[in-house]
Amino acid sequence: MKLVPVNVGRPREVEWHGGSVRTSIWKVPISGRIRANRLNLEGDEQSDLSVHGGPEKAVYAYPSEHYEYWHRQLSLSDLPWASFGENFTTQGLLEEEVRIGDRLRVGSADFAVTQPRMPCYKLGVRFGRDDMVKRFLASGRTGFYLAVLTEGEVGAGDSIAFTARDEHGVTVADITALYARDADNQGLLQRAVALPALPESWRDYLGKRLWEPDA
């Protein structure tokens, strides 16, 4: 498992449907090593802190393995790394295998997996497609967010190693399925709501779907 590139970006204004949108989804690979701080990577900045960023969404990771799928689905001849706004383009970490709460060592920094990425309309802005959010969720290829547990330096080519696997066994793909396809899976809902590593906002949201036991 390893980092392919590390990507950062600053906010920019782009035209969309006759208006202007401020977004940081355009990111580019960097050379050399940069610092992973508690809230983001050095040189990276989120545009709308009401839905992006914060300690539980400090770094966004997206599997490089998904790029071939999107090449085919979108009929794109050119799809450079960081096209999905990810900070880490990874190799060897897939949503069906990575668990919420898993801990990772990358470079000299430590991270924890917190949640899948739920896309907003700006993903559609990035690709120039109004249907991109729907397609992204339906694919299950969401990537996942990381919290920075120990600040340190990272760079392209760094190995990624698990330092702990969460004992609850709830994967990133499981949470995405509860949101997009399997809303009434009561067994999985109960496991997710009881998962300490899942952010409180997610546990509250999923908890509203639990059935009350019969009196």
N, C-alpha and C. Protein backbone atom coordinates (compact mmCIF):
# COMPACT_ATOMS: atom_id res chain seq x y z
N MET A 1 0.86 -1.18 0.00
CA MET A 1 0.00 0.00 0.00
C MET A 1 0.90 1.23 0.00
N LYS A 2 0.49 2.22 -0.79
CA LYS A 2 1.33 3.42 -0.86
C LYS A 2 0.54 4.63 -1.35
N LEU A 3 1.16 5.80 -1.15
CA LEU A 3 0.66 7.03 -1.76
C LEU A 3 1.17 7.10 -3.18
N VAL A 4 0.30 7.48 -4.09
CA VAL A 4 0.74 7.68 -5.47
C VAL A 4 1.20 9.14 -5.57
N PRO A 5 0.29 10.14 -5.73
CA PRO A 5 0.70 11.51 -5.45
C PRO A 5 0.04 12.04 -4.18
N VAL A 6 0.54 13.16 -3.72
CA VAL A 6 -0.11 13.99 -2.69
C VAL A 6 -0.55 15.26 -3.40
N ASN A 7 -1.81 15.69 -3.14
CA ASN A 7 -2.41 16.78 -3.91
C ASN A 7 -2.96 17.87 -2.99
N VAL A 8 -2.77 19.11 -3.39
CA VAL A 8 -3.30 20.24 -2.62
C VAL A 8 -3.91 21.26 -3.57
N GLY A 9 -4.73 22.15 -3.01
CA GLY A 9 -5.34 23.20 -3.82
C GLY A 9 -5.89 24.31 -2.96
N ARG A 10 -5.98 25.49 -3.53
CA ARG A 10 -6.56 26.67 -2.88
C ARG A 10 -7.92 26.97 -3.50
N PRO A 11 -8.75 27.74 -2.81
CA PRO A 11 -10.04 28.12 -3.37
C PRO A 11 -9.90 28.90 -4.67
N ARG A 12 -10.86 28.69 -5.55
CA ARG A 12 -10.94 29.47 -6.79
C ARG A 12 -12.40 29.71 -7.14
N GLU A 13 -12.63 30.71 -7.94
CA GLU A 13 -13.97 31.01 -8.42
C GLU A 13 -14.13 30.45 -9.83
N VAL A 14 -15.19 29.66 -10.05
CA VAL A 14 -15.44 29.09 -11.37
C VAL A 14 -16.87 29.38 -11.78
N GLU A 15 -17.10 29.46 -13.08
CA GLU A 15 -18.43 29.70 -13.61
C GLU A 15 -19.21 28.39 -13.67
N TRP A 16 -20.48 28.45 -13.25
CA TRP A 16 -21.32 27.25 -13.28
C TRP A 16 -22.77 27.67 -13.41
N HIS A 17 -23.40 27.26 -14.52
CA HIS A 17 -24.80 27.56 -14.78
C HIS A 17 -25.11 29.05 -14.64
N GLY A 18 -24.25 29.86 -15.16
CA GLY A 18 -24.48 31.29 -15.19
C GLY A 18 -24.11 32.03 -13.93
N GLY A 19 -23.57 31.34 -12.95
CA GLY A 19 -23.16 31.98 -11.71
C GLY A 19 -21.71 31.66 -11.38
N SER A 20 -21.29 32.14 -10.22
CA SER A 20 -19.92 31.91 -9.79
C SER A 20 -19.93 31.01 -8.55
N VAL A 21 -19.05 30.02 -8.54
CA VAL A 21 -18.95 29.07 -7.43
C VAL A 21 -17.53 29.11 -6.89
N ARG A 22 -17.41 29.20 -5.58
CA ARG A 22 -16.11 29.15 -4.92
C ARG A 22 -15.85 27.70 -4.49
N THR A 23 -14.73 27.15 -4.93
CA THR A 23 -14.46 25.74 -4.65
C THR A 23 -12.96 25.48 -4.58
N SER A 24 -12.61 24.45 -3.83
CA SER A 24 -11.21 24.01 -3.74
C SER A 24 -11.05 22.61 -4.31
N ILE A 25 -12.00 22.15 -5.11
CA ILE A 25 -11.94 20.78 -5.61
C ILE A 25 -10.83 20.58 -6.63
N TRP A 26 -10.39 21.67 -7.26
CA TRP A 26 -9.26 21.56 -8.18
C TRP A 26 -7.96 21.48 -7.37
N LYS A 27 -7.32 20.33 -7.40
CA LYS A 27 -6.06 20.14 -6.70
C LYS A 27 -5.02 19.60 -7.67
N VAL A 28 -3.76 19.76 -7.31
CA VAL A 28 -2.67 19.32 -8.18
C VAL A 28 -1.65 18.55 -7.35
N PRO A 29 -1.00 17.55 -7.96
CA PRO A 29 0.07 16.83 -7.26
C PRO A 29 1.25 17.77 -6.97
N ILE A 30 1.89 17.53 -5.84
CA ILE A 30 3.05 18.34 -5.47
C ILE A 30 4.29 17.46 -5.45
N SER A 31 5.43 18.10 -5.62
CA SER A 31 6.71 17.39 -5.50
C SER A 31 7.27 17.64 -4.11
N GLY A 32 8.12 16.75 -3.66
CA GLY A 32 8.71 16.91 -2.35
C GLY A 32 7.76 16.48 -1.24
N ARG A 33 8.07 16.89 -0.03
CA ARG A 33 7.31 16.48 1.14
C ARG A 33 6.61 17.69 1.75
N ILE A 34 5.41 17.45 2.29
CA ILE A 34 4.67 18.52 2.95
C ILE A 34 4.16 18.01 4.28
N ARG A 35 3.76 18.94 5.12
CA ARG A 35 3.32 18.59 6.46
C ARG A 35 1.82 18.33 6.49
N ALA A 36 1.46 17.25 7.17
CA ALA A 36 0.06 16.97 7.48
C ALA A 36 -0.24 17.57 8.84
N ASN A 37 -1.07 18.60 8.86
CA ASN A 37 -1.45 19.27 10.09
C ASN A 37 -2.81 18.77 10.57
N ARG A 38 -3.22 19.18 11.73
CA ARG A 38 -4.45 18.66 12.32
C ARG A 38 -5.67 18.93 11.46
N LEU A 39 -5.69 20.06 10.74
CA LEU A 39 -6.88 20.44 9.98
C LEU A 39 -6.75 20.26 8.48
N ASN A 40 -5.55 20.10 7.96
CA ASN A 40 -5.37 19.92 6.52
C ASN A 40 -3.90 19.69 6.21
N LEU A 41 -3.60 19.53 4.93
CA LEU A 41 -2.23 19.46 4.49
C LEU A 41 -1.69 20.87 4.25
N GLU A 42 -0.41 21.05 4.46
CA GLU A 42 0.22 22.33 4.16
C GLU A 42 -0.03 22.68 2.69
N GLY A 43 -0.52 23.90 2.45
CA GLY A 43 -0.79 24.32 1.08
C GLY A 43 -2.17 23.98 0.57
N ASP A 44 -2.98 23.33 1.42
CA ASP A 44 -4.34 22.98 1.03
C ASP A 44 -5.31 23.84 1.84
N GLU A 45 -6.48 24.10 1.27
CA GLU A 45 -7.47 24.94 1.96
C GLU A 45 -8.86 24.58 1.49
N GLN A 46 -9.80 24.42 2.43
CA GLN A 46 -11.19 24.15 2.09
C GLN A 46 -11.93 25.46 1.87
N SER A 47 -12.92 25.43 0.98
CA SER A 47 -13.65 26.65 0.65
C SER A 47 -14.85 26.89 1.55
N ASP A 48 -15.61 25.85 1.87
CA ASP A 48 -16.83 25.99 2.66
C ASP A 48 -16.70 25.14 3.90
N LEU A 49 -16.31 25.74 5.01
CA LEU A 49 -16.04 24.99 6.23
C LEU A 49 -17.31 24.48 6.90
N SER A 50 -18.48 24.88 6.41
CA SER A 50 -19.71 24.35 6.99
C SER A 50 -19.93 22.89 6.60
N VAL A 51 -19.35 22.46 5.49
CA VAL A 51 -19.52 21.07 5.03
C VAL A 51 -18.20 20.37 4.74
N HIS A 52 -17.12 21.12 4.65
CA HIS A 52 -15.82 20.52 4.36
C HIS A 52 -14.84 20.86 5.48
N GLY A 53 -13.80 20.05 5.58
CA GLY A 53 -12.74 20.35 6.53
C GLY A 53 -13.11 20.02 7.95
N GLY A 54 -12.27 20.48 8.87
CA GLY A 54 -12.41 20.13 10.27
C GLY A 54 -11.56 18.91 10.61
N PRO A 55 -11.37 18.64 11.90
CA PRO A 55 -10.49 17.53 12.29
C PRO A 55 -10.89 16.17 11.74
N GLU A 56 -12.20 15.93 11.54
CA GLU A 56 -12.65 14.63 11.05
C GLU A 56 -12.60 14.51 9.53
N LYS A 57 -12.32 15.61 8.85
CA LYS A 57 -12.20 15.61 7.39
C LYS A 57 -10.94 16.35 6.97
N ALA A 58 -9.86 16.12 7.68
CA ALA A 58 -8.64 16.87 7.42
C ALA A 58 -8.01 16.49 6.09
N VAL A 59 -8.07 15.21 5.74
CA VAL A 59 -7.43 14.71 4.52
C VAL A 59 -8.41 13.78 3.82
N TYR A 60 -8.51 13.94 2.50
CA TYR A 60 -9.39 13.08 1.71
C TYR A 60 -8.55 12.13 0.87
N ALA A 61 -8.82 10.83 1.01
CA ALA A 61 -8.09 9.80 0.27
C ALA A 61 -8.99 9.15 -0.77
N TYR A 62 -8.44 8.93 -1.97
CA TYR A 62 -9.22 8.29 -3.03
C TYR A 62 -8.36 7.24 -3.72
N PRO A 63 -8.89 6.01 -3.89
CA PRO A 63 -8.10 4.94 -4.47
C PRO A 63 -7.79 5.16 -5.95
N SER A 64 -6.53 4.99 -6.29
CA SER A 64 -6.12 5.11 -7.70
C SER A 64 -6.78 4.05 -8.56
N GLU A 65 -7.15 2.92 -7.94
CA GLU A 65 -7.76 1.82 -8.68
C GLU A 65 -9.07 2.22 -9.33
N HIS A 66 -9.74 3.26 -8.83
CA HIS A 66 -11.04 3.66 -9.37
C HIS A 66 -10.91 4.47 -10.66
N TYR A 67 -9.75 4.96 -10.96
CA TYR A 67 -9.62 5.84 -12.13
C TYR A 67 -9.96 5.14 -13.44
N GLU A 68 -9.60 3.88 -13.57
CA GLU A 68 -9.92 3.15 -14.80
C GLU A 68 -11.43 3.03 -14.97
N TYR A 69 -12.14 2.79 -13.88
CA TYR A 69 -13.60 2.73 -13.94
C TYR A 69 -14.17 4.04 -14.47
N TRP A 70 -13.70 5.17 -13.97
CA TRP A 70 -14.25 6.46 -14.40
C TRP A 70 -13.81 6.82 -15.82
N HIS A 71 -12.64 6.37 -16.22
CA HIS A 71 -12.26 6.53 -17.63
C HIS A 71 -13.33 5.92 -18.53
N ARG A 72 -13.75 4.69 -18.19
CA ARG A 72 -14.74 3.99 -19.01
C ARG A 72 -16.12 4.61 -18.88
N GLN A 73 -16.55 4.91 -17.66
CA GLN A 73 -17.90 5.41 -17.43
C GLN A 73 -18.14 6.78 -18.05
N LEU A 74 -17.13 7.63 -18.01
CA LEU A 74 -17.29 9.01 -18.47
C LEU A 74 -16.70 9.24 -19.86
N SER A 75 -16.12 8.19 -20.43
CA SER A 75 -15.52 8.28 -21.77
C SER A 75 -14.53 9.44 -21.86
N LEU A 76 -13.66 9.50 -20.86
CA LEU A 76 -12.66 10.57 -20.80
C LEU A 76 -11.31 10.04 -21.25
N SER A 77 -10.67 10.80 -22.12
CA SER A 77 -9.34 10.40 -22.57
C SER A 77 -8.27 10.84 -21.58
N ASP A 78 -8.56 11.87 -20.81
CA ASP A 78 -7.59 12.40 -19.86
C ASP A 78 -8.27 12.56 -18.51
N LEU A 79 -7.74 11.88 -17.51
CA LEU A 79 -8.29 11.96 -16.16
C LEU A 79 -7.09 11.97 -15.19
N PRO A 80 -6.54 13.15 -14.94
CA PRO A 80 -5.32 13.23 -14.13
C PRO A 80 -5.59 12.94 -12.66
N TRP A 81 -4.54 12.56 -11.95
CA TRP A 81 -4.65 12.38 -10.50
C TRP A 81 -5.21 13.65 -9.86
N ALA A 82 -5.95 13.49 -8.80
CA ALA A 82 -6.59 14.57 -8.05
C ALA A 82 -7.87 15.06 -8.70
N SER A 83 -8.37 14.37 -9.73
CA SER A 83 -9.59 14.81 -10.40
C SER A 83 -10.81 14.80 -9.47
N PHE A 84 -10.77 14.01 -8.41
CA PHE A 84 -11.91 13.93 -7.50
C PHE A 84 -11.71 14.82 -6.27
N GLY A 85 -10.70 15.66 -6.31
CA GLY A 85 -10.44 16.58 -5.22
C GLY A 85 -9.73 15.94 -4.05
N GLU A 86 -9.14 14.76 -4.27
CA GLU A 86 -8.48 14.06 -3.17
C GLU A 86 -7.11 14.65 -2.85
N ASN A 87 -6.75 14.55 -1.57
CA ASN A 87 -5.41 14.92 -1.13
C ASN A 87 -4.42 13.77 -1.30
N PHE A 88 -4.88 12.56 -0.97
CA PHE A 88 -4.07 11.36 -1.14
C PHE A 88 -4.69 10.51 -2.24
N THR A 89 -3.96 10.28 -3.31
CA THR A 89 -4.35 9.24 -4.26
C THR A 89 -3.60 7.99 -3.83
N THR A 90 -4.34 6.95 -3.44
CA THR A 90 -3.74 5.80 -2.78
C THR A 90 -3.71 4.58 -3.69
N GLN A 91 -2.90 3.63 -3.31
CA GLN A 91 -2.87 2.32 -3.96
C GLN A 91 -2.96 1.25 -2.89
N GLY A 92 -3.94 0.36 -3.05
CA GLY A 92 -4.06 -0.77 -2.13
C GLY A 92 -5.04 -0.58 -0.99
N LEU A 93 -5.81 0.49 -0.99
CA LEU A 93 -6.80 0.74 0.06
C LEU A 93 -8.17 0.92 -0.59
N LEU A 94 -9.04 -0.06 -0.45
CA LEU A 94 -10.37 0.01 -1.06
C LEU A 94 -11.45 0.08 0.01
N GLU A 95 -12.57 0.69 -0.35
CA GLU A 95 -13.64 0.97 0.60
C GLU A 95 -14.20 -0.31 1.24
N GLU A 96 -14.21 -1.42 0.51
CA GLU A 96 -14.75 -2.67 1.03
C GLU A 96 -13.84 -3.30 2.07
N GLU A 97 -12.60 -2.83 2.16
CA GLU A 97 -11.62 -3.43 3.07
C GLU A 97 -11.24 -2.49 4.22
N VAL A 98 -11.30 -1.20 3.99
CA VAL A 98 -10.90 -0.23 5.01
C VAL A 98 -12.05 -0.02 5.98
N ARG A 99 -11.75 -0.11 7.27
CA ARG A 99 -12.76 0.01 8.31
C ARG A 99 -12.76 1.42 8.92
N ILE A 100 -13.94 1.87 9.28
CA ILE A 100 -14.04 3.11 10.06
C ILE A 100 -13.27 2.88 11.38
N GLY A 101 -12.36 3.80 11.69
CA GLY A 101 -11.56 3.67 12.90
C GLY A 101 -10.20 3.05 12.69
N ASP A 102 -9.95 2.49 11.50
CA ASP A 102 -8.60 1.97 11.21
C ASP A 102 -7.58 3.09 11.36
N ARG A 103 -6.39 2.72 11.80
CA ARG A 103 -5.31 3.70 11.94
C ARG A 103 -4.20 3.37 10.95
N LEU A 104 -3.67 4.44 10.34
CA LEU A 104 -2.69 4.31 9.28
C LEU A 104 -1.46 5.14 9.59
N ARG A 105 -0.33 4.62 9.18
CA ARG A 105 0.92 5.38 9.24
C ARG A 105 1.35 5.69 7.82
N VAL A 106 1.53 6.99 7.55
CA VAL A 106 1.99 7.44 6.24
C VAL A 106 3.12 8.44 6.47
N GLY A 107 4.29 8.18 5.91
CA GLY A 107 5.42 9.04 6.20
C GLY A 107 5.68 9.07 7.69
N SER A 108 5.76 10.26 8.25
CA SER A 108 5.95 10.39 9.70
C SER A 108 4.68 10.82 10.41
N ALA A 109 3.53 10.69 9.75
CA ALA A 109 2.24 11.09 10.32
C ALA A 109 1.34 9.88 10.55
N ASP A 110 0.43 10.01 11.50
CA ASP A 110 -0.55 8.97 11.80
C ASP A 110 -1.96 9.49 11.54
N PHE A 111 -2.79 8.62 10.97
CA PHE A 111 -4.14 9.00 10.56
C PHE A 111 -5.15 7.98 11.05
N ALA A 112 -6.43 8.40 11.14
CA ALA A 112 -7.54 7.50 11.44
C ALA A 112 -8.61 7.68 10.38
N VAL A 113 -9.18 6.57 9.92
CA VAL A 113 -10.28 6.61 8.95
C VAL A 113 -11.55 7.00 9.68
N THR A 114 -12.25 8.03 9.19
CA THR A 114 -13.42 8.54 9.91
C THR A 114 -14.76 8.31 9.21
N GLN A 115 -14.81 8.41 7.87
CA GLN A 115 -16.10 8.36 7.19
C GLN A 115 -15.89 8.36 5.67
N PRO A 116 -16.90 7.90 4.92
CA PRO A 116 -16.83 8.03 3.46
C PRO A 116 -17.05 9.47 3.04
N ARG A 117 -16.69 9.76 1.82
CA ARG A 117 -16.93 11.09 1.27
C ARG A 117 -18.33 11.12 0.67
N MET A 118 -19.14 12.04 1.12
CA MET A 118 -20.44 12.28 0.54
C MET A 118 -20.33 13.52 -0.35
N PRO A 119 -20.46 13.37 -1.66
CA PRO A 119 -20.17 14.48 -2.56
C PRO A 119 -21.25 15.54 -2.55
N CYS A 120 -20.84 16.78 -2.79
CA CYS A 120 -21.77 17.87 -2.99
C CYS A 120 -21.77 18.23 -4.48
N TYR A 121 -22.56 19.21 -4.84
CA TYR A 121 -22.73 19.56 -6.24
C TYR A 121 -21.42 20.01 -6.90
N LYS A 122 -20.43 20.36 -6.09
CA LYS A 122 -19.17 20.84 -6.68
C LYS A 122 -18.42 19.74 -7.41
N LEU A 123 -18.72 18.48 -7.09
CA LEU A 123 -18.14 17.40 -7.90
C LEU A 123 -18.69 17.48 -9.32
N GLY A 124 -19.97 17.84 -9.45
CA GLY A 124 -20.54 18.06 -10.77
C GLY A 124 -19.91 19.23 -11.48
N VAL A 125 -19.59 20.29 -10.70
CA VAL A 125 -18.90 21.44 -11.27
C VAL A 125 -17.54 21.01 -11.83
N ARG A 126 -16.83 20.21 -11.06
CA ARG A 126 -15.49 19.77 -11.47
C ARG A 126 -15.53 19.02 -12.79
N PHE A 127 -16.55 18.19 -12.99
CA PHE A 127 -16.63 17.38 -14.20
C PHE A 127 -17.54 17.98 -15.26
N GLY A 128 -18.21 19.10 -14.93
CA GLY A 128 -19.12 19.70 -15.89
C GLY A 128 -20.33 18.84 -16.18
N ARG A 129 -20.79 18.10 -15.15
CA ARG A 129 -21.91 17.17 -15.33
C ARG A 129 -22.85 17.28 -14.14
N ASP A 130 -24.13 17.54 -14.42
CA ASP A 130 -25.12 17.62 -13.34
C ASP A 130 -25.40 16.26 -12.71
N ASP A 131 -25.11 15.18 -13.42
CA ASP A 131 -25.41 13.84 -12.90
C ASP A 131 -24.26 13.21 -12.13
N MET A 132 -23.18 13.94 -11.93
CA MET A 132 -21.98 13.33 -11.38
C MET A 132 -22.16 12.89 -9.92
N VAL A 133 -22.87 13.67 -9.11
CA VAL A 133 -23.06 13.29 -7.71
C VAL A 133 -23.83 11.97 -7.62
N LYS A 134 -24.89 11.84 -8.41
CA LYS A 134 -25.68 10.62 -8.40
C LYS A 134 -24.85 9.43 -8.87
N ARG A 135 -24.07 9.62 -9.91
CA ARG A 135 -23.24 8.53 -10.43
C ARG A 135 -22.17 8.13 -9.42
N PHE A 136 -21.60 9.11 -8.76
CA PHE A 136 -20.54 8.87 -7.79
C PHE A 136 -21.05 8.00 -6.64
N LEU A 137 -22.20 8.39 -6.08
CA LEU A 137 -22.77 7.62 -4.97
C LEU A 137 -23.18 6.22 -5.41
N ALA A 138 -23.79 6.12 -6.58
CA ALA A 138 -24.23 4.81 -7.08
C ALA A 138 -23.07 3.87 -7.30
N SER A 139 -21.91 4.41 -7.63
CA SER A 139 -20.75 3.57 -7.91
C SER A 139 -20.18 2.94 -6.64
N GLY A 140 -20.41 3.56 -5.48
CA GLY A 140 -19.80 3.10 -4.25
C GLY A 140 -18.33 3.46 -4.12
N ARG A 141 -17.80 4.12 -5.12
CA ARG A 141 -16.38 4.49 -5.14
C ARG A 141 -16.21 5.90 -4.56
N THR A 142 -16.37 6.00 -3.25
CA THR A 142 -16.45 7.30 -2.60
C THR A 142 -15.12 7.81 -2.07
N GLY A 143 -14.17 6.91 -1.82
CA GLY A 143 -13.01 7.30 -1.05
C GLY A 143 -13.40 7.53 0.40
N PHE A 144 -12.49 8.09 1.19
CA PHE A 144 -12.77 8.24 2.62
C PHE A 144 -11.92 9.36 3.21
N TYR A 145 -12.42 9.89 4.32
CA TYR A 145 -11.72 10.96 5.02
C TYR A 145 -10.84 10.40 6.13
N LEU A 146 -9.79 11.17 6.43
CA LEU A 146 -8.86 10.82 7.48
C LEU A 146 -8.72 11.96 8.47
N ALA A 147 -8.65 11.63 9.75
CA ALA A 147 -8.24 12.57 10.78
C ALA A 147 -6.74 12.42 10.98
N VAL A 148 -6.08 13.51 11.29
CA VAL A 148 -4.64 13.48 11.57
C VAL A 148 -4.44 13.29 13.07
N LEU A 149 -3.92 12.14 13.45
CA LEU A 149 -3.69 11.84 14.86
C LEU A 149 -2.34 12.36 15.33
N THR A 150 -1.33 12.20 14.50
CA THR A 150 0.02 12.70 14.79
C THR A 150 0.49 13.47 13.58
N GLU A 151 0.77 14.74 13.74
CA GLU A 151 1.23 15.55 12.63
C GLU A 151 2.61 15.07 12.18
N GLY A 152 2.88 15.22 10.89
CA GLY A 152 4.16 14.80 10.34
C GLY A 152 4.25 15.12 8.87
N GLU A 153 5.27 14.61 8.20
CA GLU A 153 5.47 14.89 6.78
C GLU A 153 5.12 13.69 5.92
N VAL A 154 4.54 13.98 4.75
CA VAL A 154 4.17 12.95 3.80
C VAL A 154 4.65 13.35 2.41
N GLY A 155 4.77 12.35 1.53
CA GLY A 155 5.18 12.64 0.17
C GLY A 155 4.82 11.50 -0.75
N ALA A 156 4.78 11.77 -2.04
CA ALA A 156 4.47 10.75 -3.03
C ALA A 156 5.42 9.57 -2.90
N GLY A 157 4.87 8.37 -3.00
CA GLY A 157 5.67 7.17 -2.89
C GLY A 157 5.78 6.62 -1.49
N ASP A 158 5.32 7.37 -0.48
CA ASP A 158 5.37 6.87 0.89
C ASP A 158 4.54 5.59 1.01
N SER A 159 5.04 4.64 1.79
CA SER A 159 4.25 3.46 2.08
C SER A 159 3.14 3.82 3.06
N ILE A 160 2.05 3.06 2.99
CA ILE A 160 0.92 3.19 3.91
C ILE A 160 0.81 1.89 4.68
N ALA A 161 0.78 1.97 5.99
CA ALA A 161 0.71 0.77 6.81
C ALA A 161 -0.39 0.91 7.85
N PHE A 162 -1.14 -0.18 8.07
CA PHE A 162 -2.09 -0.20 9.17
C PHE A 162 -1.31 -0.30 10.47
N THR A 163 -1.64 0.55 11.42
CA THR A 163 -1.07 0.42 12.77
C THR A 163 -2.10 -0.15 13.73
N ALA A 164 -3.37 -0.13 13.35
CA ALA A 164 -4.44 -0.75 14.13
C ALA A 164 -5.64 -0.95 13.22
N ARG A 165 -6.35 -2.09 13.40
CA ARG A 165 -7.59 -2.35 12.68
C ARG A 165 -8.73 -2.28 13.67
N ASP A 166 -9.77 -1.51 13.33
CA ASP A 166 -10.88 -1.34 14.25
C ASP A 166 -11.62 -2.66 14.45
N GLU A 167 -11.86 -3.00 15.70
CA GLU A 167 -12.43 -4.30 16.04
C GLU A 167 -13.90 -4.44 15.66
N HIS A 168 -14.59 -3.34 15.41
CA HIS A 168 -16.01 -3.41 15.09
C HIS A 168 -16.27 -3.90 13.66
N GLY A 169 -15.30 -3.77 12.78
CA GLY A 169 -15.40 -4.34 11.45
C GLY A 169 -16.37 -3.66 10.51
N VAL A 170 -16.75 -2.41 10.77
CA VAL A 170 -17.65 -1.68 9.87
C VAL A 170 -16.80 -0.94 8.85
N THR A 171 -17.00 -1.24 7.58
CA THR A 171 -16.16 -0.66 6.55
C THR A 171 -16.71 0.66 6.02
N VAL A 172 -15.87 1.35 5.28
CA VAL A 172 -16.30 2.56 4.59
C VAL A 172 -17.47 2.24 3.67
N ALA A 173 -17.37 1.13 2.94
CA ALA A 173 -18.43 0.73 2.02
C ALA A 173 -19.74 0.46 2.76
N ASP A 174 -19.66 -0.07 3.98
CA ASP A 174 -20.87 -0.32 4.76
C ASP A 174 -21.63 0.98 5.04
N ILE A 175 -20.91 2.01 5.43
CA ILE A 175 -21.56 3.29 5.75
C ILE A 175 -22.17 3.91 4.49
N THR A 176 -21.44 3.83 3.37
CA THR A 176 -21.99 4.35 2.12
C THR A 176 -23.25 3.60 1.73
N ALA A 177 -23.26 2.29 1.91
CA ALA A 177 -24.44 1.49 1.58
C ALA A 177 -25.64 1.90 2.43
N LEU A 178 -25.42 2.14 3.71
CA LEU A 178 -26.52 2.58 4.58
C LEU A 178 -27.09 3.90 4.10
N TYR A 179 -26.25 4.76 3.57
CA TYR A 179 -26.72 6.06 3.08
C TYR A 179 -27.43 5.95 1.74
N ALA A 180 -26.86 5.14 0.83
CA ALA A 180 -27.32 5.20 -0.56
C ALA A 180 -28.18 4.03 -1.01
N ARG A 181 -28.02 2.83 -0.40
CA ARG A 181 -28.67 1.67 -0.99
C ARG A 181 -29.34 0.73 0.01
N ASP A 182 -28.93 0.75 1.26
CA ASP A 182 -29.35 -0.27 2.20
C ASP A 182 -29.83 0.38 3.50
N ALA A 183 -30.74 1.33 3.35
CA ALA A 183 -31.10 2.21 4.46
C ALA A 183 -31.74 1.48 5.63
N ASP A 184 -32.39 0.34 5.40
CA ASP A 184 -33.14 -0.32 6.45
C ASP A 184 -32.46 -1.58 6.98
N ASN A 185 -31.18 -1.72 6.74
CA ASN A 185 -30.43 -2.87 7.26
C ASN A 185 -30.23 -2.66 8.77
N GLN A 186 -31.16 -3.18 9.56
CA GLN A 186 -31.16 -2.87 10.99
C GLN A 186 -29.92 -3.40 11.71
N GLY A 187 -29.44 -4.57 11.32
CA GLY A 187 -28.25 -5.10 11.96
C GLY A 187 -27.04 -4.22 11.75
N LEU A 188 -26.85 -3.77 10.49
CA LEU A 188 -25.72 -2.90 10.19
C LEU A 188 -25.91 -1.52 10.80
N LEU A 189 -27.16 -1.04 10.82
CA LEU A 189 -27.43 0.25 11.45
C LEU A 189 -27.04 0.23 12.93
N GLN A 190 -27.39 -0.83 13.62
CA GLN A 190 -27.07 -0.93 15.05
C GLN A 190 -25.56 -0.93 15.26
N ARG A 191 -24.83 -1.64 14.41
CA ARG A 191 -23.37 -1.67 14.53
C ARG A 191 -22.77 -0.29 14.25
N ALA A 192 -23.31 0.40 13.26
CA ALA A 192 -22.78 1.71 12.89
C ALA A 192 -23.05 2.74 13.97
N VAL A 193 -24.27 2.74 14.51
CA VAL A 193 -24.64 3.72 15.53
C VAL A 193 -23.80 3.53 16.80
N ALA A 194 -23.37 2.30 17.06
CA ALA A 194 -22.57 2.02 18.25
C ALA A 194 -21.07 2.15 18.00
N LEU A 195 -20.69 2.65 16.83
CA LEU A 195 -19.28 2.70 16.44
C LEU A 195 -18.63 3.98 16.96
N PRO A 196 -17.75 3.90 17.94
CA PRO A 196 -17.18 5.12 18.52
C PRO A 196 -16.39 5.97 17.53
N ALA A 197 -15.76 5.33 16.55
CA ALA A 197 -14.91 6.07 15.61
C ALA A 197 -15.71 6.83 14.56
N LEU A 198 -16.99 6.51 14.39
CA LEU A 198 -17.82 7.21 13.41
C LEU A 198 -18.23 8.56 13.99
N PRO A 199 -18.08 9.65 13.24
CA PRO A 199 -18.44 10.97 13.77
C PRO A 199 -19.87 11.02 14.29
N GLU A 200 -20.09 11.83 15.31
CA GLU A 200 -21.38 11.93 15.96
C GLU A 200 -22.50 12.30 14.99
N SER A 201 -22.19 13.17 14.02
CA SER A 201 -23.22 13.57 13.06
C SER A 201 -23.74 12.36 12.27
N TRP A 202 -22.84 11.45 11.91
CA TRP A 202 -23.24 10.23 11.20
C TRP A 202 -24.06 9.32 12.12
N ARG A 203 -23.63 9.15 13.37
CA ARG A 203 -24.35 8.27 14.28
C ARG A 203 -25.75 8.80 14.56
N ASP A 204 -25.87 10.12 14.67
CA ASP A 204 -27.20 10.71 14.88
C ASP A 204 -28.09 10.48 13.66
N TYR A 205 -27.53 10.69 12.50
CA TYR A 205 -28.30 10.53 11.25
C TYR A 205 -28.77 9.09 11.09
N LEU A 206 -27.87 8.15 11.29
CA LEU A 206 -28.23 6.74 11.11
C LEU A 206 -29.14 6.24 12.23
N GLY A 207 -28.97 6.80 13.43
CA GLY A 207 -29.79 6.38 14.56
C GLY A 207 -31.27 6.65 14.35
N LYS A 208 -31.61 7.64 13.55
CA LYS A 208 -33.01 7.96 13.28
C LYS A 208 -33.70 6.89 12.44
N ARG A 209 -32.92 5.98 11.86
CA ARG A 209 -33.50 4.91 11.03
C ARG A 209 -33.71 3.62 11.81
N LEU A 210 -33.27 3.58 13.06
CA LEU A 210 -33.45 2.37 13.82
C LEU A 210 -34.92 2.19 14.19
N TRP A 211 -35.40 0.97 14.07
CA TRP A 211 -36.78 0.70 14.46
C TRP A 211 -36.88 0.58 15.97
N GLU A 212 -37.98 1.07 16.50
CA GLU A 212 -38.24 0.90 17.94
C GLU A 212 -38.69 -0.53 18.20
N PRO A 213 -38.17 -1.18 19.23
CA PRO A 213 -38.63 -2.55 19.54
C PRO A 213 -40.10 -2.54 19.94
N ASP A 214 -40.77 -3.64 19.63
CA ASP A 214 -42.19 -3.75 19.99
C ASP A 214 -42.35 -3.73 21.51
N ALA A 215 -43.34 -3.02 21.96
CA ALA A 215 -43.60 -2.94 23.40
C ALA A 215 -44.09 -4.28 23.91
